[in-house]
Amino acid sequence: MSGLMIMLPIALIIAAGFLVFFLWSVKNGDFEDPEMPAHRMILDDNDDADTSIVQKTEQKSAKPEKP
């Protein structure tokens, strides 16, 4: 029984420490976007495939048709 009286306050102090650390992390934005760093290297800012299709269709429409 005396061991419980010693271990319970210690466990509560440790749990409170983890809670404070978690709330501090949330406040600083550590959990804002956890998936983006994993996908950032896959994403491409300049998607060349889409622009090349648009350029080809513009070139075809700009050429005069032969009678």
PDB file of N, CA and C in Angstrom:
ATOM      1  N   MET A   1       0.824  -1.195   0.000  1.00  0.00           N
ATOM      2  CA  MET A   1       0.000   0.000   0.000  1.00  0.00           C
ATOM      3  C   MET A   1       0.862   1.251   0.000  1.00  0.00           C
ATOM      4  N   SER A   2       1.976   1.203   0.737  1.00  0.00           N
ATOM      5  CA  SER A   2       2.847   2.379   0.772  1.00  0.00           C
ATOM      6  C   SER A   2       3.532   2.594  -0.585  1.00  0.00           C
ATOM      7  N   GLY A   3       3.753   1.496  -1.303  1.00  0.00           N
ATOM      8  CA  GLY A   3       4.340   1.619  -2.638  1.00  0.00           C
ATOM      9  C   GLY A   3       3.403   2.338  -3.597  1.00  0.00           C
ATOM     10  N   LEU A   4       2.106   2.102  -3.438  1.00  0.00           N
ATOM     11  CA  LEU A   4       1.110   2.773  -4.258  1.00  0.00           C
ATOM     12  C   LEU A   4       1.081   4.267  -3.972  1.00  0.00           C
ATOM     13  N   MET A   5       1.262   4.630  -2.726  1.00  0.00           N
ATOM     14  CA  MET A   5       1.267   6.046  -2.341  1.00  0.00           C
ATOM     15  C   MET A   5       2.496   6.774  -2.894  1.00  0.00           C
ATOM     16  N   ILE A   6       3.530   6.040  -3.188  1.00  0.00           N
ATOM     17  CA  ILE A   6       4.739   6.646  -3.766  1.00  0.00           C
ATOM     18  C   ILE A   6       4.638   6.682  -5.297  1.00  0.00           C
ATOM     19  N   MET A   7       4.173   5.577  -5.878  1.00  0.00           N
ATOM     20  CA  MET A   7       4.154   5.463  -7.336  1.00  0.00           C
ATOM     21  C   MET A   7       3.049   6.295  -7.990  1.00  0.00           C
ATOM     22  N   LEU A   8       1.921   6.454  -7.337  1.00  0.00           N
ATOM     23  CA  LEU A   8       0.820   7.212  -7.923  1.00  0.00           C
ATOM     24  C   LEU A   8       1.169   8.682  -8.149  1.00  0.00           C
ATOM     25  N   PRO A   9       1.745   9.394  -7.188  1.00  0.00           N
ATOM     26  CA  PRO A   9       2.146  10.780  -7.474  1.00  0.00           C
ATOM     27  C   PRO A   9       3.239  10.887  -8.541  1.00  0.00           C
ATOM     28  N   ILE A  10       4.147   9.926  -8.555  1.00  0.00           N
ATOM     29  CA  ILE A  10       5.201   9.934  -9.573  1.00  0.00           C
ATOM     30  C   ILE A  10       4.580   9.751 -10.964  1.00  0.00           C
ATOM     31  N   ALA A  11       3.626   8.827 -11.079  1.00  0.00           N
ATOM     32  CA  ALA A  11       2.957   8.595 -12.363  1.00  0.00           C
ATOM     33  C   ALA A  11       2.168   9.831 -12.794  1.00  0.00           C
ATOM     34  N   LEU A  12       1.520  10.494 -11.854  1.00  0.00           N
ATOM     35  CA  LEU A  12       0.765  11.702 -12.187  1.00  0.00           C
ATOM     36  C   LEU A  12       1.683  12.836 -12.624  1.00  0.00           C
ATOM     37  N   ILE A  13       2.837  12.958 -12.007  1.00  0.00           N
ATOM     38  CA  ILE A  13       3.805  13.990 -12.403  1.00  0.00           C
ATOM     39  C   ILE A  13       4.331  13.715 -13.811  1.00  0.00           C
ATOM     40  N   ILE A  14       4.635  12.463 -14.101  1.00  0.00           N
ATOM     41  CA  ILE A  14       5.123  12.105 -15.442  1.00  0.00           C
ATOM     42  C   ILE A  14       4.031  12.349 -16.489  1.00  0.00           C
ATOM     43  N   ALA A  15       2.789  11.963 -16.172  1.00  0.00           N
ATOM     44  CA  ALA A  15       1.680  12.183 -17.107  1.00  0.00           C
ATOM     45  C   ALA A  15       1.453  13.673 -17.338  1.00  0.00           C
ATOM     46  N   ALA A  16       1.548  14.473 -16.295  1.00  0.00           N
ATOM     47  CA  ALA A  16       1.391  15.924 -16.445  1.00  0.00           C
ATOM     48  C   ALA A  16       2.514  16.496 -17.304  1.00  0.00           C
ATOM     49  N   GLY A  17       3.731  15.970 -17.146  1.00  0.00           N
ATOM     50  CA  GLY A  17       4.851  16.416 -17.975  1.00  0.00           C
ATOM     51  C   GLY A  17       4.619  16.117 -19.445  1.00  0.00           C
ATOM     52  N   PHE A  18       4.128  14.919 -19.750  1.00  0.00           N
ATOM     53  CA  PHE A  18       3.816  14.577 -21.139  1.00  0.00           C
ATOM     54  C   PHE A  18       2.691  15.450 -21.690  1.00  0.00           C
ATOM     55  N   LEU A  19       1.693  15.744 -20.866  1.00  0.00           N
ATOM     56  CA  LEU A  19       0.600  16.602 -21.311  1.00  0.00           C
ATOM     57  C   LEU A  19       1.095  18.009 -21.619  1.00  0.00           C
ATOM     58  N   VAL A  20       1.955  18.543 -20.764  1.00  0.00           N
ATOM     59  CA  VAL A  20       2.515  19.881 -20.997  1.00  0.00           C
ATOM     60  C   VAL A  20       3.346  19.885 -22.277  1.00  0.00           C
ATOM     61  N   PHE A  21       4.159  18.857 -22.468  1.00  0.00           N
ATOM     62  CA  PHE A  21       4.979  18.767 -23.679  1.00  0.00           C
ATOM     63  C   PHE A  21       4.104  18.664 -24.930  1.00  0.00           C
ATOM     64  N   PHE A  22       3.030  17.869 -24.864  1.00  0.00           N
ATOM     65  CA  PHE A  22       2.129  17.724 -26.009  1.00  0.00           C
ATOM     66  C   PHE A  22       1.441  19.044 -26.334  1.00  0.00           C
ATOM     67  N   LEU A  23       0.929  19.728 -25.331  1.00  0.00           N
ATOM     68  CA  LEU A  23       0.258  21.007 -25.570  1.00  0.00           C
ATOM     69  C   LEU A  23       1.230  22.054 -26.112  1.00  0.00           C
ATOM     70  N   TRP A  24       2.461  22.036 -25.649  1.00  0.00           N
ATOM     71  CA  TRP A  24       3.483  22.952 -26.162  1.00  0.00           C
ATOM     72  C   TRP A  24       3.762  22.659 -27.641  1.00  0.00           C
ATOM     73  N   SER A  25       3.810  21.373 -27.995  1.00  0.00           N
ATOM     74  CA  SER A  25       4.049  20.992 -29.392  1.00  0.00           C
ATOM     75  C   SER A  25       2.900  21.431 -30.292  1.00  0.00           C
ATOM     76  N   VAL A  26       1.676  21.270 -29.828  1.00  0.00           N
ATOM     77  CA  VAL A  26       0.517  21.686 -30.617  1.00  0.00           C
ATOM     78  C   VAL A  26       0.515  23.197 -30.789  1.00  0.00           C
ATOM     79  N   LYS A  27       0.865  23.914 -29.737  1.00  0.00           N
ATOM     80  CA  LYS A  27       0.886  25.379 -29.805  1.00  0.00           C
ATOM     81  C   LYS A  27       1.935  25.871 -30.799  1.00  0.00           C
ATOM     82  N   ASN A  28       3.063  25.187 -30.902  1.00  0.00           N
ATOM     83  CA  ASN A  28       4.134  25.597 -31.809  1.00  0.00           C
ATOM     84  C   ASN A  28       3.924  25.111 -33.241  1.00  0.00           C
ATOM     85  N   GLY A  29       2.858  24.364 -33.493  1.00  0.00           N
ATOM     86  CA  GLY A  29       2.542  23.968 -34.859  1.00  0.00           C
ATOM     87  C   GLY A  29       3.238  22.715 -35.344  1.00  0.00           C
ATOM     88  N   ASP A  30       3.686  21.863 -34.452  1.00  0.00           N
ATOM     89  CA  ASP A  30       4.357  20.644 -34.879  1.00  0.00           C
ATOM     90  C   ASP A  30       3.409  19.652 -35.541  1.00  0.00           C
ATOM     91  N   PHE A  31       2.125  19.763 -35.290  1.00  0.00           N
ATOM     92  CA  PHE A  31       1.159  18.827 -35.843  1.00  0.00           C
ATOM     93  C   PHE A  31       0.276  19.482 -36.894  1.00  0.00           C
ATOM     94  N   GLU A  32       0.721  20.544 -37.504  1.00  0.00           N
ATOM     95  CA  GLU A  32      -0.079  21.256 -38.495  1.00  0.00           C
ATOM     96  C   GLU A  32      -0.319  20.407 -39.745  1.00  0.00           C
ATOM     97  N   ASP A  33       0.719  19.879 -40.335  1.00  0.00           N
ATOM     98  CA  ASP A  33       0.590  19.109 -41.565  1.00  0.00           C
ATOM     99  C   ASP A  33       1.607  17.971 -41.544  1.00  0.00           C
ATOM    100  N   PRO A  34       1.289  16.858 -40.904  1.00  0.00           N
ATOM    101  CA  PRO A  34       2.277  15.793 -40.771  1.00  0.00           C
ATOM    102  C   PRO A  34       2.541  15.028 -42.066  1.00  0.00           C
ATOM    103  N   GLU A  35       1.654  15.082 -43.046  1.00  0.00           N
ATOM    104  CA  GLU A  35       1.817  14.309 -44.270  1.00  0.00           C
ATOM    105  C   GLU A  35       2.602  15.036 -45.352  1.00  0.00           C
ATOM    106  N   MET A  36       2.624  16.336 -45.343  1.00  0.00           N
ATOM    107  CA  MET A  36       3.220  17.090 -46.446  1.00  0.00           C
ATOM    108  C   MET A  36       4.715  16.832 -46.636  1.00  0.00           C
ATOM    109  N   PRO A  37       5.534  16.758 -45.596  1.00  0.00           N
ATOM    110  CA  PRO A  37       6.956  16.489 -45.857  1.00  0.00           C
ATOM    111  C   PRO A  37       7.193  15.167 -46.585  1.00  0.00           C
ATOM    112  N   ALA A  38       6.345  14.183 -46.356  1.00  0.00           N
ATOM    113  CA  ALA A  38       6.508  12.904 -47.043  1.00  0.00           C
ATOM    114  C   ALA A  38       6.130  13.003 -48.516  1.00  0.00           C
ATOM    115  N   HIS A  39       5.208  13.890 -48.857  1.00  0.00           N
ATOM    116  CA  HIS A  39       4.740  14.006 -50.240  1.00  0.00           C
ATOM    117  C   HIS A  39       5.375  15.172 -50.991  1.00  0.00           C
ATOM    118  N   ARG A  40       6.121  15.999 -50.325  1.00  0.00           N
ATOM    119  CA  ARG A  40       6.672  17.196 -50.960  1.00  0.00           C
ATOM    120  C   ARG A  40       7.626  16.847 -52.097  1.00  0.00           C
ATOM    121  N   MET A  41       8.398  15.784 -51.945  1.00  0.00           N
ATOM    122  CA  MET A  41       9.350  15.439 -53.001  1.00  0.00           C
ATOM    123  C   MET A  41       8.647  14.842 -54.223  1.00  0.00           C
ATOM    124  N   ILE A  42       7.427  14.369 -54.063  1.00  0.00           N
ATOM    125  CA  ILE A  42       6.684  13.823 -55.190  1.00  0.00           C
ATOM    126  C   ILE A  42       6.036  14.939 -56.002  1.00  0.00           C
ATOM    127  N   LEU A  43       5.579  15.967 -55.320  1.00  0.00           N
ATOM    128  CA  LEU A  43       4.890  17.064 -55.994  1.00  0.00           C
ATOM    129  C   LEU A  43       5.862  17.885 -56.828  1.00  0.00           C
ATOM    130  N   ASP A  44       5.393  18.366 -57.955  1.00  0.00           N
ATOM    131  CA  ASP A  44       6.214  19.174 -58.840  1.00  0.00           C
ATOM    132  C   ASP A  44       5.510  20.508 -59.035  1.00  0.00           C
ATOM    133  N   ASP A  45       6.228  21.590 -58.803  1.00  0.00           N
ATOM    134  CA  ASP A  45       5.624  22.910 -58.944  1.00  0.00           C
ATOM    135  C   ASP A  45       5.292  23.226 -60.396  1.00  0.00           C
ATOM    136  N   ASN A  46       6.154  22.836 -61.308  1.00  0.00           N
ATOM    137  CA  ASN A  46       5.939  23.092 -62.735  1.00  0.00           C
ATOM    138  C   ASN A  46       5.603  21.773 -63.414  1.00  0.00           C
ATOM    139  N   ASP A  47       4.362  21.581 -63.707  1.00  0.00           N
ATOM    140  CA  ASP A  47       3.941  20.352 -64.362  1.00  0.00           C
ATOM    141  C   ASP A  47       4.071  20.547 -65.870  1.00  0.00           C
ATOM    142  N   ASP A  48       5.186  20.084 -66.427  1.00  0.00           N
ATOM    143  CA  ASP A  48       5.496  20.303 -67.838  1.00  0.00           C
ATOM    144  C   ASP A  48       4.544  19.548 -68.770  1.00  0.00           C
ATOM    145  N   ALA A  49       4.026  18.436 -68.337  1.00  0.00           N
ATOM    146  CA  ALA A  49       3.152  17.655 -69.204  1.00  0.00           C
ATOM    147  C   ALA A  49       1.874  18.418 -69.521  1.00  0.00           C
ATOM    148  N   ASP A  50       1.278  19.051 -68.546  1.00  0.00           N
ATOM    149  CA  ASP A  50       0.030  19.780 -68.789  1.00  0.00           C
ATOM    150  C   ASP A  50       0.262  20.992 -69.682  1.00  0.00           C
ATOM    151  N   THR A  51       1.343  21.727 -69.484  1.00  0.00           N
ATOM    152  CA  THR A  51       1.587  22.917 -70.297  1.00  0.00           C
ATOM    153  C   THR A  51       1.942  22.539 -71.727  1.00  0.00           C
ATOM    154  N   SER A  52       2.609  21.413 -71.937  1.00  0.00           N
ATOM    155  CA  SER A  52       2.951  21.023 -73.304  1.00  0.00           C
ATOM    156  C   SER A  52       1.695  20.668 -74.094  1.00  0.00           C
ATOM    157  N   ILE A  53       0.711  20.084 -73.455  1.00  0.00           N
ATOM    158  CA  ILE A  53      -0.538  19.760 -74.145  1.00  0.00           C
ATOM    159  C   ILE A  53      -1.261  21.037 -74.543  1.00  0.00           C
ATOM    160  N   VAL A  54      -1.289  22.002 -73.648  1.00  0.00           N
ATOM    161  CA  VAL A  54      -1.951  23.273 -73.941  1.00  0.00           C
ATOM    162  C   VAL A  54      -1.231  23.994 -75.066  1.00  0.00           C
ATOM    163  N   GLN A  55       0.095  23.987 -75.065  1.00  0.00           N
ATOM    164  CA  GLN A  55       0.864  24.671 -76.106  1.00  0.00           C
ATOM    165  C   GLN A  55       0.635  24.014 -77.465  1.00  0.00           C
ATOM    166  N   LYS A  56       0.555  22.695 -77.516  1.00  0.00           N
ATOM    167  CA  LYS A  56       0.338  22.012 -78.791  1.00  0.00           C
ATOM    168  C   LYS A  56      -1.036  22.331 -79.359  1.00  0.00           C
ATOM    169  N   THR A  57      -2.034  22.373 -78.513  1.00  0.00           N
ATOM    170  CA  THR A  57      -3.374  22.690 -79.017  1.00  0.00           C
ATOM    171  C   THR A  57      -3.459  24.138 -79.460  1.00  0.00           C
ATOM    172  N   GLU A  58      -2.746  25.036 -78.801  1.00  0.00           N
ATOM    173  CA  GLU A  58      -2.731  26.440 -79.221  1.00  0.00           C
ATOM    174  C   GLU A  58      -2.021  26.587 -80.561  1.00  0.00           C
ATOM    175  N   GLN A  59      -0.947  25.831 -80.777  1.00  0.00           N
ATOM    176  CA  GLN A  59      -0.216  25.906 -82.036  1.00  0.00           C
ATOM    177  C   GLN A  59      -1.068  25.366 -83.185  1.00  0.00           C
ATOM    178  N   LYS A  60      -1.812  24.317 -82.930  1.00  0.00           N
ATOM    179  CA  LYS A  60      -2.665  23.755 -83.980  1.00  0.00           C
ATOM    180  C   LYS A  60      -3.772  24.726 -84.362  1.00  0.00           C
ATOM    181  N   SER A  61      -4.326  25.402 -83.383  1.00  0.00           N
ATOM    182  CA  SER A  61      -5.415  26.335 -83.686  1.00  0.00           C
ATOM    183  C   SER A  61      -4.887  27.619 -84.323  1.00  0.00           C
ATOM    184  N   ALA A  62      -3.623  27.956 -84.123  1.00  0.00           N
ATOM    185  CA  ALA A  62      -3.060  29.186 -84.686  1.00  0.00           C
ATOM    186  C   ALA A  62      -2.656  29.009 -86.150  1.00  0.00           C
ATOM    187  N   LYS A  63      -2.396  27.785 -86.588  1.00  0.00           N
ATOM    188  CA  LYS A  63      -2.002  27.544 -87.975  1.00  0.00           C
ATOM    189  C   LYS A  63      -3.209  27.722 -88.894  1.00  0.00           C
ATOM    190  N   PRO A  64      -2.996  28.418 -90.012  1.00  0.00           N
ATOM    191  CA  PRO A  64      -4.114  28.558 -90.968  1.00  0.00           C
ATOM    192  C   PRO A  64      -4.344  27.239 -91.695  1.00  0.00           C
ATOM    193  N   GLU A  65      -5.586  26.954 -91.939  1.00  0.00           N
ATOM    194  CA  GLU A  65      -5.916  25.718 -92.641  1.00  0.00           C
ATOM    195  C   GLU A  65      -5.755  25.914 -94.145  1.00  0.00           C
ATOM    196  N   LYS A  66      -5.304  24.883 -94.830  1.00  0.00           N
ATOM    197  CA  LYS A  66      -5.124  24.935 -96.278  1.00  0.00           C
ATOM    198  C   LYS A  66      -6.473  24.733 -96.957  1.00  0.00           C
ATOM    199  N   PRO A  67      -6.745  25.542 -97.990  1.00  0.00           N
ATOM    200  CA  PRO A  67      -8.039  25.393 -98.690  1.00  0.00           C
ATOM    201  C   PRO A  67      -8.088  24.200 -99.586  1.00  0.00           C
TER     202      PRO A  67
END
